[in-house]
Amino acid sequence: MTQLLDLLSAEDYAKRFQGTGIRDCAVIDRGLFFFISLQDWDDDKPRPFLDELQTRLTKLELNAEKRWITTLMDGYSNLMCSGPREGEIVCVAVDGRGQVLAKKVQGSDAEQSVPGGRGEGPCRGNVGKIKPFAGRMYGCGGGRSLFYRIGPDQWAGVGPLPPNGRGETGFQDFDGFSESDIYAAGGKGDVWRYDGTAWHKIAFPSNMWIESVCCGEDGYVYIGAQSGAVYRGRGDQWMMIHQGDLSLPFRDMVWFKDRVYATNDYGLWEIQEGRLQPSQAPIEITNCAGNLSVADGVMLMAGAYGAALHDGQSWSRLFSIAELARQAQGG
C-alpha cells in the first residue's frame, strides 16, 4: 500500500520550491531530510552559469513544530548535500568547486573550501559526488581523488591517492564494502580499488563514460555507465548485465534492503539477481525519480516532480511538486 502524505502545503511550495527544480536530497535520519533545489531558467534565453542562479537548501523535519526551513544560497555551483550528523551540524553541503556550508540545528556556517585543485589533493579537481560512508562524509573528484571529512574545515585524502590521470579519467562516484575495500570510478572506464593501503587500477572491460557506483550487500559492485548500461563484478571480473538503451545514465545507484535501486530524471529501476527492470512502484512514486539517498533504514527519492520515502516495507509520497505547480497555475 502506498501512502500519499502530501506534507507540503501550497504556501510552503510557493516559499520553498516554486520556480526551482530539486537537484539532490539527503537522509540524515528517518525523520530528517534535506533537499537542494536550483532556480529554473528560460531555455529561450542564454544559459547562465550555475553560480548565477539561486540555490536553496531546504530541511524537512517530520517531528518538528516547524517542519520546513529553507536557506537561500547564492554563488554556489552544482551544490550537493549529505550526512552524517556531526553534533550540532545536521547537514553539510558541498558544491562542485569545493565550497562548504555546514547547516546547524540553528543557523549555518560557511566553512573553508575542500582543499586541493590544480592537481593537488585531497580534492584535485571539481567535486563529483558526496555521500555518507563508514560513519563519515566522503567525497570524490576529478584527477582520481577521494577524500573524507574529519570535522569543520578538516579534510583528508584516501591514500596516497592514485596517479593523477590524464585525458578521460577522474572519479565521478564511489562506494565501498569497508574502509579497506573501496571502489571509485569515472571518466571512460576508469575504475580503481583501494585496499586500505594502496590504490589498484581495475581491468574494466569497457571505455564507456561512468556515472555511478554501488557496492551491494550481495558482494557485487554495480557500475552505471552511459545510456543506462550496468556492469556487475568485483576485482578484475566484470560482466555487463544491462546494455544501455536510455537517454540518460543512472545518476544514483544505492543498495536498499535486498536490491539495487537506480534512478535518473526519467524513472526508477531495480536490480535483483543480476536483472535490471523498471520499478513496479506506482506512478505517484516513480514520478519522484531523480536522486536517491539511504540512511537509518530508509530510502529517500526526490526529483523535479516531488519526493517519496521507502521505510523498508512500503512507499510514501512526501509531496508532489507537479500537483502543487498545477494548482498554482490554476489547473
C-alpha atoms as a PDB file:
ATOM      1  CA  MET A   1       0.000   0.000   0.000  1.00  0.00           C
ATOM      2  CA  THR A   2       1.267   3.466  -0.898  1.00  0.00           C
ATOM      3  CA  GLN A   3       0.556   6.451   1.316  1.00  0.00           C
ATOM      4  CA  LEU A   4       0.181   9.979  -0.065  1.00  0.00           C
ATOM      5  CA  LEU A   5       1.324  12.105   2.871  1.00  0.00           C
ATOM      6  CA  ASP A   6       1.499  15.401   0.943  1.00  0.00           C
ATOM      7  CA  LEU A   7       3.398  17.243   3.674  1.00  0.00           C
ATOM      8  CA  LEU A   8       3.982  20.358   1.555  1.00  0.00           C
ATOM      9  CA  SER A   9       1.247  22.998   1.634  1.00  0.00           C
ATOM     10  CA  ALA A  10       0.601  25.372  -1.257  1.00  0.00           C
ATOM     11  CA  GLU A  11       2.055  28.182   0.851  1.00  0.00           C
ATOM     12  CA  ASP A  12       5.240  26.253   1.622  1.00  0.00           C
ATOM     13  CA  TYR A  13       5.559  25.192  -2.008  1.00  0.00           C
ATOM     14  CA  ALA A  14       5.489  28.848  -3.084  1.00  0.00           C
ATOM     15  CA  LYS A  15       8.156  29.761  -0.496  1.00  0.00           C
ATOM     16  CA  ARG A  16      10.486  26.811  -0.960  1.00  0.00           C
ATOM     17  CA  PHE A  17      10.231  25.106  -4.338  1.00  0.00           C
ATOM     18  CA  GLN A  18       8.268  27.202  -6.812  1.00  0.00           C
ATOM     19  CA  GLY A  19      10.443  28.231  -9.738  1.00  0.00           C
ATOM     20  CA  THR A  20      13.138  25.677  -8.881  1.00  0.00           C
ATOM     21  CA  GLY A  21      13.977  22.037  -9.535  1.00  0.00           C
ATOM     22  CA  ILE A  22      15.291  19.533  -6.978  1.00  0.00           C
ATOM     23  CA  ARG A  23      18.894  18.527  -7.787  1.00  0.00           C
ATOM     24  CA  ASP A  24      19.883  16.472  -4.722  1.00  0.00           C
ATOM     25  CA  CYS A  25      18.498  15.012  -1.495  1.00  0.00           C
ATOM     26  CA  ALA A  26      19.864  13.533   1.726  1.00  0.00           C
ATOM     27  CA  VAL A  27      18.532  11.386   4.570  1.00  0.00           C
ATOM     28  CA  ILE A  28      20.070  12.352   7.905  1.00  0.00           C
ATOM     29  CA  ASP A  29      17.782  10.064   9.893  1.00  0.00           C
ATOM     30  CA  ARG A  30      14.325   8.630   9.316  1.00  0.00           C
ATOM     31  CA  GLY A  31      12.684  11.896  10.360  1.00  0.00           C
ATOM     32  CA  LEU A  32      15.107  14.475   8.934  1.00  0.00           C
ATOM     33  CA  PHE A  33      15.682  15.147   5.238  1.00  0.00           C
ATOM     34  CA  PHE A  34      17.347  17.831   3.114  1.00  0.00           C
ATOM     35  CA  PHE A  35      16.751  18.912  -0.469  1.00  0.00           C
ATOM     36  CA  ILE A  36      18.859  21.002  -2.849  1.00  0.00           C
ATOM     37  CA  SER A  37      16.863  22.926  -5.439  1.00  0.00           C
ATOM     38  CA  LEU A  38      18.128  25.179  -8.213  1.00  0.00           C
ATOM     39  CA  GLN A  39      16.383  28.133  -9.819  1.00  0.00           C
ATOM     40  CA  ASP A  40      14.809  27.358 -13.189  1.00  0.00           C
ATOM     41  CA  TRP A  41      15.858  29.296 -16.275  1.00  0.00           C
ATOM     42  CA  ASP A  42      14.155  30.183 -19.531  1.00  0.00           C
ATOM     43  CA  ASP A  43      15.547  27.972 -22.302  1.00  0.00           C
ATOM     44  CA  ASP A  44      14.797  30.737 -24.810  1.00  0.00           C
ATOM     45  CA  LYS A  45      17.486  32.872 -23.177  1.00  0.00           C
ATOM     46  CA  PRO A  46      21.254  32.286 -22.987  1.00  0.00           C
ATOM     47  CA  ARG A  47      22.012  29.723 -20.303  1.00  0.00           C
ATOM     48  CA  PRO A  48      23.517  31.393 -17.219  1.00  0.00           C
ATOM     49  CA  PHE A  49      26.378  29.972 -15.172  1.00  0.00           C
ATOM     50  CA  LEU A  50      25.069  27.779 -12.349  1.00  0.00           C
ATOM     51  CA  ASP A  51      26.519  30.045  -9.659  1.00  0.00           C
ATOM     52  CA  GLU A  52      24.436  32.899 -11.093  1.00  0.00           C
ATOM     53  CA  LEU A  53      21.243  31.011 -10.254  1.00  0.00           C
ATOM     54  CA  GLN A  54      19.841  30.874  -6.739  1.00  0.00           C
ATOM     55  CA  THR A  55      20.269  27.588  -4.890  1.00  0.00           C
ATOM     56  CA  ARG A  56      18.062  26.607  -1.962  1.00  0.00           C
ATOM     57  CA  LEU A  57      18.812  24.171   0.862  1.00  0.00           C
ATOM     58  CA  THR A  58      15.516  23.031   2.382  1.00  0.00           C
ATOM     59  CA  LYS A  59      15.054  20.985   5.533  1.00  0.00           C
ATOM     60  CA  LEU A  60      12.057  18.753   6.213  1.00  0.00           C
ATOM     61  CA  GLU A  61      11.873  17.546   9.815  1.00  0.00           C
ATOM     62  CA  LEU A  62       8.832  15.363  10.344  1.00  0.00           C
ATOM     63  CA  ASN A  63       8.549  15.704  14.118  1.00  0.00           C
ATOM     64  CA  ALA A  64       9.453  19.383  14.432  1.00  0.00           C
ATOM     65  CA  GLU A  65       6.916  22.081  15.236  1.00  0.00           C
ATOM     66  CA  LYS A  66       8.179  23.925  12.162  1.00  0.00           C
ATOM     67  CA  ARG A  67       8.677  21.170   9.604  1.00  0.00           C
ATOM     68  CA  TRP A  68      10.081  23.264   6.775  1.00  0.00           C
ATOM     69  CA  ILE A  69      13.092  25.606   6.838  1.00  0.00           C
ATOM     70  CA  THR A  70      14.769  26.943   3.681  1.00  0.00           C
ATOM     71  CA  THR A  71      18.175  28.590   3.380  1.00  0.00           C
ATOM     72  CA  LEU A  72      18.657  30.775   0.286  1.00  0.00           C
ATOM     73  CA  MET A  73      22.154  30.474  -1.139  1.00  0.00           C
ATOM     74  CA  ASP A  74      23.960  32.437  -3.821  1.00  0.00           C
ATOM     75  CA  GLY A  75      27.296  31.833  -5.521  1.00  0.00           C
ATOM     76  CA  TYR A  76      27.184  28.018  -5.381  1.00  0.00           C
ATOM     77  CA  SER A  77      27.524  25.773  -8.423  1.00  0.00           C
ATOM     78  CA  ASN A  78      26.261  22.177  -8.532  1.00  0.00           C
ATOM     79  CA  LEU A  79      25.552  22.051  -4.787  1.00  0.00           C
ATOM     80  CA  MET A  80      25.188  18.619  -3.103  1.00  0.00           C
ATOM     81  CA  CYS A  81      24.095  17.701   0.435  1.00  0.00           C
ATOM     82  CA  SER A  82      24.831  14.815   2.773  1.00  0.00           C
ATOM     83  CA  GLY A  83      25.071  13.474   6.318  1.00  0.00           C
ATOM     84  CA  PRO A  84      26.034  12.044   8.673  1.00  0.00           C
ATOM     85  CA  ARG A  85      25.134  14.340  11.533  1.00  0.00           C
ATOM     86  CA  GLU A  86      28.046  15.898  13.428  1.00  0.00           C
ATOM     87  CA  GLY A  87      26.613  17.041  16.747  1.00  0.00           C
ATOM     88  CA  GLU A  88      25.040  20.461  16.106  1.00  0.00           C
ATOM     89  CA  ILE A  89      25.816  20.149  12.392  1.00  0.00           C
ATOM     90  CA  VAL A  90      22.874  18.290  10.870  1.00  0.00           C
ATOM     91  CA  CYS A  91      23.856  18.505   7.200  1.00  0.00           C
ATOM     92  CA  VAL A  92      26.879  19.516   5.139  1.00  0.00           C
ATOM     93  CA  ALA A  93      26.518  20.936   1.624  1.00  0.00           C
ATOM     94  CA  VAL A  94      29.445  20.979  -0.818  1.00  0.00           C
ATOM     95  CA  ASP A  95      29.388  22.417  -4.327  1.00  0.00           C
ATOM     96  CA  GLY A  96      31.297  21.363  -7.416  1.00  0.00           C
ATOM     97  CA  ARG A  97      34.081  23.825  -6.669  1.00  0.00           C
ATOM     98  CA  GLY A  98      34.507  22.518  -3.117  1.00  0.00           C
ATOM     99  CA  GLN A  99      32.720  25.340  -1.295  1.00  0.00           C
ATOM    100  CA  VAL A 100      31.288  24.085   2.010  1.00  0.00           C
ATOM    101  CA  LEU A 101      28.256  25.109   4.070  1.00  0.00           C
ATOM    102  CA  ALA A 102      27.517  23.427   7.407  1.00  0.00           C
ATOM    103  CA  LYS A 103      23.840  23.548   8.357  1.00  0.00           C
ATOM    104  CA  LYS A 104      23.360  23.553  12.123  1.00  0.00           C
ATOM    105  CA  VAL A 105      20.345  22.967  14.326  1.00  0.00           C
ATOM    106  CA  GLN A 106      20.172  26.757  14.462  1.00  0.00           C
ATOM    107  CA  GLY A 107      21.700  28.694  11.563  1.00  0.00           C
ATOM    108  CA  SER A 108      24.538  27.694   9.263  1.00  0.00           C
ATOM    109  CA  ASP A 109      28.256  28.378   8.802  1.00  0.00           C
ATOM    110  CA  ALA A 110      30.267  28.821   5.628  1.00  0.00           C
ATOM    111  CA  GLU A 111      33.481  26.824   6.053  1.00  0.00           C
ATOM    112  CA  GLN A 112      36.758  26.819   4.194  1.00  0.00           C
ATOM    113  CA  SER A 113      36.567  25.055   0.852  1.00  0.00           C
ATOM    114  CA  VAL A 114      37.740  21.462   0.478  1.00  0.00           C
ATOM    115  CA  PRO A 115      41.490  21.931  -0.098  1.00  0.00           C
ATOM    116  CA  GLY A 116      43.048  20.955  -3.382  1.00  0.00           C
ATOM    117  CA  GLY A 117      42.822  21.792  -7.038  1.00  0.00           C
ATOM    118  CA  ARG A 118      45.424  22.177  -9.779  1.00  0.00           C
ATOM    119  CA  GLY A 119      46.346  18.532  -9.426  1.00  0.00           C
ATOM    120  CA  GLU A 120      46.842  18.654  -5.655  1.00  0.00           C
ATOM    121  CA  GLY A 121      44.810  16.677  -3.102  1.00  0.00           C
ATOM    122  CA  PRO A 122      42.820  15.834  -1.244  1.00  0.00           C
ATOM    123  CA  CYS A 123      40.441  17.055  -3.998  1.00  0.00           C
ATOM    124  CA  ARG A 124      42.391  17.524  -7.217  1.00  0.00           C
ATOM    125  CA  GLY A 125      39.546  18.884  -9.336  1.00  0.00           C
ATOM    126  CA  ASN A 126      35.818  19.511  -9.224  1.00  0.00           C
ATOM    127  CA  VAL A 127      33.791  17.590  -6.633  1.00  0.00           C
ATOM    128  CA  GLY A 128      31.718  14.897  -8.347  1.00  0.00           C
ATOM    129  CA  LYS A 129      29.779  13.263  -5.501  1.00  0.00           C
ATOM    130  CA  ILE A 130      29.464  13.346  -1.708  1.00  0.00           C
ATOM    131  CA  LYS A 131      27.788  10.681   0.421  1.00  0.00           C
ATOM    132  CA  PRO A 132      27.890   9.191   3.939  1.00  0.00           C
ATOM    133  CA  PHE A 133      30.168   6.182   4.237  1.00  0.00           C
ATOM    134  CA  ALA A 134      31.676   4.357   7.227  1.00  0.00           C
ATOM    135  CA  GLY A 135      30.368   6.968   9.666  1.00  0.00           C
ATOM    136  CA  ARG A 136      31.856   9.953   7.827  1.00  0.00           C
ATOM    137  CA  MET A 137      31.122  12.118   4.822  1.00  0.00           C
ATOM    138  CA  TYR A 138      33.206  11.046   1.839  1.00  0.00           C
ATOM    139  CA  GLY A 139      33.573  12.784  -1.497  1.00  0.00           C
ATOM    140  CA  CYS A 140      35.227  12.175  -4.840  1.00  0.00           C
ATOM    141  CA  GLY A 141      36.513  14.487  -7.528  1.00  0.00           C
ATOM    142  CA  GLY A 142      38.471  14.965 -10.697  1.00  0.00           C
ATOM    143  CA  GLY A 143      42.022  13.764 -11.087  1.00  0.00           C
ATOM    144  CA  ARG A 144      41.206  10.477  -9.331  1.00  0.00           C
ATOM    145  CA  SER A 145      40.701  11.967  -5.891  1.00  0.00           C
ATOM    146  CA  LEU A 146      38.773  10.521  -2.958  1.00  0.00           C
ATOM    147  CA  PHE A 147      38.587  12.311   0.374  1.00  0.00           C
ATOM    148  CA  TYR A 148      36.680  12.402   3.651  1.00  0.00           C
ATOM    149  CA  ARG A 149      35.612  14.968   6.207  1.00  0.00           C
ATOM    150  CA  ILE A 150      37.296  14.882   9.611  1.00  0.00           C
ATOM    151  CA  GLY A 151      35.379  17.861  11.023  1.00  0.00           C
ATOM    152  CA  PRO A 152      34.793  21.572  10.386  1.00  0.00           C
ATOM    153  CA  ASP A 153      37.428  22.859   7.931  1.00  0.00           C
ATOM    154  CA  GLN A 154      39.241  19.487   8.047  1.00  0.00           C
ATOM    155  CA  TRP A 155      39.512  17.048   5.131  1.00  0.00           C
ATOM    156  CA  ALA A 156      41.887  14.226   4.296  1.00  0.00           C
ATOM    157  CA  GLY A 157      42.656  12.232   1.164  1.00  0.00           C
ATOM    158  CA  VAL A 158      42.194   8.472   0.957  1.00  0.00           C
ATOM    159  CA  GLY A 159      45.507   7.085   0.018  1.00  0.00           C
ATOM    160  CA  PRO A 160      48.113   8.137  -1.010  1.00  0.00           C
ATOM    161  CA  LEU A 161      45.825   8.964  -3.937  1.00  0.00           C
ATOM    162  CA  PRO A 162      46.276   7.058  -7.193  1.00  0.00           C
ATOM    163  CA  PRO A 163      48.238   8.701 -10.011  1.00  0.00           C
ATOM    164  CA  ASN A 164      46.592  11.851 -11.290  1.00  0.00           C
ATOM    165  CA  GLY A 165      45.017  10.693 -14.527  1.00  0.00           C
ATOM    166  CA  ARG A 166      45.235  12.471 -17.862  1.00  0.00           C
ATOM    167  CA  GLY A 167      42.610  12.580 -20.544  1.00  0.00           C
ATOM    168  CA  GLU A 168      39.300  10.802 -19.956  1.00  0.00           C
ATOM    169  CA  THR A 169      39.816   9.872 -16.301  1.00  0.00           C
ATOM    170  CA  GLY A 170      38.625  11.003 -12.915  1.00  0.00           C
ATOM    171  CA  PHE A 171      36.270   9.849 -10.172  1.00  0.00           C
ATOM    172  CA  GLN A 172      32.574  10.593 -10.654  1.00  0.00           C
ATOM    173  CA  ASP A 173      31.282   8.256  -7.929  1.00  0.00           C
ATOM    174  CA  PHE A 174      32.461   5.745  -5.329  1.00  0.00           C
ATOM    175  CA  ASP A 175      31.239   3.186  -2.809  1.00  0.00           C
ATOM    176  CA  GLY A 176      32.761   0.565  -0.579  1.00  0.00           C
ATOM    177  CA  PHE A 177      32.290  -2.606   1.413  1.00  0.00           C
ATOM    178  CA  SER A 178      34.545  -1.188   4.143  1.00  0.00           C
ATOM    179  CA  GLU A 179      37.196   1.488   4.567  1.00  0.00           C
ATOM    180  CA  SER A 180      39.731  -1.046   3.282  1.00  0.00           C
ATOM    181  CA  ASP A 181      37.696  -2.091   0.243  1.00  0.00           C
ATOM    182  CA  ILE A 182      36.561   0.965  -1.748  1.00  0.00           C
ATOM    183  CA  TYR A 183      35.753   1.270  -5.454  1.00  0.00           C
ATOM    184  CA  ALA A 184      35.893   4.630  -7.264  1.00  0.00           C
ATOM    185  CA  ALA A 185      35.251   5.261 -10.943  1.00  0.00           C
ATOM    186  CA  GLY A 186      34.676   7.895 -13.603  1.00  0.00           C
ATOM    187  CA  GLY A 187      35.808   9.083 -16.990  1.00  0.00           C
ATOM    188  CA  LYS A 188      35.917   6.468 -19.747  1.00  0.00           C
ATOM    189  CA  GLY A 189      36.078   3.115 -17.973  1.00  0.00           C
ATOM    190  CA  ASP A 190      38.487   4.392 -15.312  1.00  0.00           C
ATOM    191  CA  VAL A 191      37.900   2.126 -12.277  1.00  0.00           C
ATOM    192  CA  TRP A 192      40.124   1.794  -9.201  1.00  0.00           C
ATOM    193  CA  ARG A 193      40.063  -0.116  -5.902  1.00  0.00           C
ATOM    194  CA  TYR A 194      41.554   0.978  -2.576  1.00  0.00           C
ATOM    195  CA  ASP A 195      42.595  -1.898  -0.280  1.00  0.00           C
ATOM    196  CA  GLY A 196      43.233   0.151   2.865  1.00  0.00           C
ATOM    197  CA  THR A 197      46.859   0.774   1.946  1.00  0.00           C
ATOM    198  CA  ALA A 198      47.148   1.471  -1.781  1.00  0.00           C
ATOM    199  CA  TRP A 199      45.093   2.048  -4.922  1.00  0.00           C
ATOM    200  CA  HIS A 200      44.974  -0.545  -7.718  1.00  0.00           C
ATOM    201  CA  LYS A 201      43.686   0.013 -11.250  1.00  0.00           C
ATOM    202  CA  ILE A 202      40.890  -2.370 -12.227  1.00  0.00           C
ATOM    203  CA  ALA A 203      40.878  -4.144 -15.589  1.00  0.00           C
ATOM    204  CA  PHE A 204      37.430  -2.860 -16.526  1.00  0.00           C
ATOM    205  CA  PRO A 205      36.061  -4.255 -19.815  1.00  0.00           C
ATOM    206  CA  SER A 206      34.685  -1.032 -21.271  1.00  0.00           C
ATOM    207  CA  ASN A 207      35.662   2.546 -22.041  1.00  0.00           C
ATOM    208  CA  MET A 208      32.110   3.832 -21.595  1.00  0.00           C
ATOM    209  CA  TRP A 209      31.599   7.010 -19.590  1.00  0.00           C
ATOM    210  CA  ILE A 210      30.928   6.054 -15.953  1.00  0.00           C
ATOM    211  CA  GLU A 211      28.381   7.872 -13.792  1.00  0.00           C
ATOM    212  CA  SER A 212      27.543   5.790 -10.693  1.00  0.00           C
ATOM    213  CA  VAL A 213      28.933   3.114  -8.361  1.00  0.00           C
ATOM    214  CA  CYS A 214      27.191   0.907  -5.783  1.00  0.00           C
ATOM    215  CA  CYS A 215      28.641  -1.839  -3.568  1.00  0.00           C
ATOM    216  CA  GLY A 216      25.839  -4.281  -2.801  1.00  0.00           C
ATOM    217  CA  GLU A 217      25.288  -6.451   0.232  1.00  0.00           C
ATOM    218  CA  ASP A 218      25.253  -9.377  -2.212  1.00  0.00           C
ATOM    219  CA  GLY A 219      29.030  -8.934  -2.551  1.00  0.00           C
ATOM    220  CA  TYR A 220      28.984  -7.399  -6.029  1.00  0.00           C
ATOM    221  CA  VAL A 221      29.944  -3.949  -7.272  1.00  0.00           C
ATOM    222  CA  TYR A 222      27.495  -2.327  -9.679  1.00  0.00           C
ATOM    223  CA  ILE A 223      28.716   0.354 -12.084  1.00  0.00           C
ATOM    224  CA  GLY A 224      26.344   2.553 -14.067  1.00  0.00           C
ATOM    225  CA  ALA A 225      27.681   3.805 -17.396  1.00  0.00           C
ATOM    226  CA  GLN A 226      26.445   5.883 -20.305  1.00  0.00           C
ATOM    227  CA  SER A 227      22.934   5.315 -21.676  1.00  0.00           C
ATOM    228  CA  GLY A 228      21.948   3.263 -18.616  1.00  0.00           C
ATOM    229  CA  ALA A 229      24.403   0.408 -19.182  1.00  0.00           C
ATOM    230  CA  VAL A 230      25.161  -1.540 -15.988  1.00  0.00           C
ATOM    231  CA  TYR A 231      28.174  -3.726 -15.153  1.00  0.00           C
ATOM    232  CA  ARG A 232      28.402  -6.109 -12.204  1.00  0.00           C
ATOM    233  CA  GLY A 233      31.591  -7.588 -10.791  1.00  0.00           C
ATOM    234  CA  ARG A 234      34.401  -7.318  -8.301  1.00  0.00           C
ATOM    235  CA  GLY A 235      38.155  -7.138  -8.595  1.00  0.00           C
ATOM    236  CA  ASP A 236      39.042  -7.801 -12.242  1.00  0.00           C
ATOM    237  CA  GLN A 237      35.968  -9.955 -13.009  1.00  0.00           C
ATOM    238  CA  TRP A 238      33.123  -7.998 -14.665  1.00  0.00           C
ATOM    239  CA  MET A 239      30.165  -8.562 -16.938  1.00  0.00           C
ATOM    240  CA  MET A 240      27.562  -6.296 -18.498  1.00  0.00           C
ATOM    241  CA  ILE A 241      24.137  -7.135 -17.059  1.00  0.00           C
ATOM    242  CA  HIS A 242      22.234  -4.448 -18.935  1.00  0.00           C
ATOM    243  CA  GLN A 243      23.002  -2.880 -22.273  1.00  0.00           C
ATOM    244  CA  GLY A 244      22.085   0.766 -22.092  1.00  0.00           C
ATOM    245  CA  ASP A 245      19.104   1.964 -24.107  1.00  0.00           C
ATOM    246  CA  LEU A 246      18.266   5.151 -22.182  1.00  0.00           C
ATOM    247  CA  SER A 247      18.867   8.794 -22.991  1.00  0.00           C
ATOM    248  CA  LEU A 248      20.438   9.380 -19.563  1.00  0.00           C
ATOM    249  CA  PRO A 249      22.772   7.304 -17.348  1.00  0.00           C
ATOM    250  CA  PHE A 250      21.771   6.450 -13.788  1.00  0.00           C
ATOM    251  CA  ARG A 251      22.633   9.412 -11.583  1.00  0.00           C
ATOM    252  CA  ASP A 252      22.372   7.434  -8.339  1.00  0.00           C
ATOM    253  CA  MET A 253      22.614   3.714  -7.595  1.00  0.00           C
ATOM    254  CA  VAL A 254      22.088   2.526  -3.996  1.00  0.00           C
ATOM    255  CA  TRP A 255      21.633  -0.771  -2.190  1.00  0.00           C
ATOM    256  CA  PHE A 256      18.466  -0.845  -0.089  1.00  0.00           C
ATOM    257  CA  LYS A 257      17.130  -3.931   1.681  1.00  0.00           C
ATOM    258  CA  ASP A 258      17.663  -6.744  -0.857  1.00  0.00           C
ATOM    259  CA  ARG A 259      18.382  -4.989  -4.151  1.00  0.00           C
ATOM    260  CA  VAL A 260      19.952  -2.127  -6.059  1.00  0.00           C
ATOM    261  CA  TYR A 261      17.813   0.886  -6.888  1.00  0.00           C
ATOM    262  CA  ALA A 262      18.886   3.093  -9.791  1.00  0.00           C
ATOM    263  CA  THR A 263      17.425   6.415 -10.872  1.00  0.00           C
ATOM    264  CA  ASN A 264      17.700   9.304 -13.281  1.00  0.00           C
ATOM    265  CA  ASP A 265      15.303  12.114 -14.207  1.00  0.00           C
ATOM    266  CA  TYR A 266      13.125   9.714 -16.187  1.00  0.00           C
ATOM    267  CA  GLY A 267      12.384   6.926 -13.753  1.00  0.00           C
ATOM    268  CA  LEU A 268      13.297   4.319 -11.148  1.00  0.00           C
ATOM    269  CA  TRP A 269      14.767   0.874 -11.831  1.00  0.00           C
ATOM    270  CA  GLU A 270      15.577  -2.116  -9.625  1.00  0.00           C
ATOM    271  CA  ILE A 271      18.313  -4.755  -9.954  1.00  0.00           C
ATOM    272  CA  GLN A 272      17.783  -8.180  -8.415  1.00  0.00           C
ATOM    273  CA  GLU A 273      19.652 -11.400  -9.192  1.00  0.00           C
ATOM    274  CA  GLY A 274      21.556  -9.677 -11.966  1.00  0.00           C
ATOM    275  CA  ARG A 275      18.482  -8.364 -13.807  1.00  0.00           C
ATOM    276  CA  LEU A 276      17.553  -4.708 -14.240  1.00  0.00           C
ATOM    277  CA  GLN A 277      13.859  -3.892 -14.572  1.00  0.00           C
ATOM    278  CA  PRO A 278      11.698  -0.782 -14.269  1.00  0.00           C
ATOM    279  CA  SER A 279      10.376  -0.439 -10.725  1.00  0.00           C
ATOM    280  CA  GLN A 280       6.865  -1.680 -10.120  1.00  0.00           C
ATOM    281  CA  ALA A 281       6.208   1.146  -7.646  1.00  0.00           C
ATOM    282  CA  PRO A 282       3.078   3.157  -8.539  1.00  0.00           C
ATOM    283  CA  ILE A 283       3.388   6.185 -10.779  1.00  0.00           C
ATOM    284  CA  GLU A 284       2.817   8.517  -7.816  1.00  0.00           C
ATOM    285  CA  ILE A 285       6.184   7.273  -6.531  1.00  0.00           C
ATOM    286  CA  THR A 286       8.191   6.849  -9.733  1.00  0.00           C
ATOM    287  CA  ASN A 287       7.257  10.410 -10.743  1.00  0.00           C
ATOM    288  CA  CYS A 288       9.557  11.498  -7.894  1.00  0.00           C
ATOM    289  CA  ALA A 289      12.630   9.964  -9.571  1.00  0.00           C
ATOM    290  CA  GLY A 290      15.917  11.826  -9.874  1.00  0.00           C
ATOM    291  CA  ASN A 291      18.087  11.337  -6.783  1.00  0.00           C
ATOM    292  CA  LEU A 292      18.416   8.659  -4.065  1.00  0.00           C
ATOM    293  CA  SER A 293      19.769   8.699  -0.507  1.00  0.00           C
ATOM    294  CA  VAL A 294      19.828   5.887   2.085  1.00  0.00           C
ATOM    295  CA  ALA A 295      20.406   6.151   5.844  1.00  0.00           C
ATOM    296  CA  ASP A 296      18.872   4.953   9.122  1.00  0.00           C
ATOM    297  CA  GLY A 297      16.926   2.168   7.411  1.00  0.00           C
ATOM    298  CA  VAL A 298      15.024   4.364   4.953  1.00  0.00           C
ATOM    299  CA  MET A 299      15.490   5.450   1.331  1.00  0.00           C
ATOM    300  CA  LEU A 300      14.604   8.919   0.097  1.00  0.00           C
ATOM    301  CA  MET A 301      13.930   9.665  -3.561  1.00  0.00           C
ATOM    302  CA  ALA A 302      13.461  13.204  -4.872  1.00  0.00           C
ATOM    303  CA  GLY A 303      13.385  14.920  -8.241  1.00  0.00           C
ATOM    304  CA  ALA A 304      11.697  17.543 -10.336  1.00  0.00           C
ATOM    305  CA  TYR A 305       8.177  16.336  -9.534  1.00  0.00           C
ATOM    306  CA  GLY A 306       8.338  15.587  -5.811  1.00  0.00           C
ATOM    307  CA  ALA A 307       9.751  13.321  -3.109  1.00  0.00           C
ATOM    308  CA  ALA A 308       8.967   9.846  -1.756  1.00  0.00           C
ATOM    309  CA  LEU A 309      10.214   7.676   1.108  1.00  0.00           C
ATOM    310  CA  HIS A 310      10.614   3.898   1.414  1.00  0.00           C
ATOM    311  CA  ASP A 311      10.638   2.673   5.038  1.00  0.00           C
ATOM    312  CA  GLY A 312      11.686  -0.878   4.163  1.00  0.00           C
ATOM    313  CA  GLN A 313       8.098  -2.079   3.913  1.00  0.00           C
ATOM    314  CA  SER A 314       6.279   0.363   1.651  1.00  0.00           C
ATOM    315  CA  TRP A 315       6.484   3.687  -0.155  1.00  0.00           C
ATOM    316  CA  SER A 316       5.042   7.019   0.995  1.00  0.00           C
ATOM    317  CA  ARG A 317       4.877  10.101  -1.187  1.00  0.00           C
ATOM    318  CA  LEU A 318       6.075  13.043   0.889  1.00  0.00           C
ATOM    319  CA  PHE A 319       4.961  15.741  -1.544  1.00  0.00           C
ATOM    320  CA  SER A 320       4.112  16.309  -5.193  1.00  0.00           C
ATOM    321  CA  ILE A 321       5.640  19.391  -6.804  1.00  0.00           C
ATOM    322  CA  ALA A 322       3.814  18.565 -10.047  1.00  0.00           C
ATOM    323  CA  GLU A 323       0.373  18.759  -8.425  1.00  0.00           C
ATOM    324  CA  LEU A 324       1.212  21.920  -6.466  1.00  0.00           C
ATOM    325  CA  ALA A 325       2.564  23.568  -9.613  1.00  0.00           C
ATOM    326  CA  ARG A 326      -0.702  22.813 -11.427  1.00  0.00           C
ATOM    327  CA  GLN A 327      -2.674  24.278  -8.538  1.00  0.00           C
ATOM    328  CA  ALA A 328      -0.530  27.432  -8.534  1.00  0.00           C
ATOM    329  CA  GLN A 329      -1.260  27.862 -12.252  1.00  0.00           C
ATOM    330  CA  GLY A 330      -4.972  27.457 -11.660  1.00  0.00           C
ATOM    331  CA  GLY A 331      -5.078  23.976 -13.193  1.00  0.00           C
END
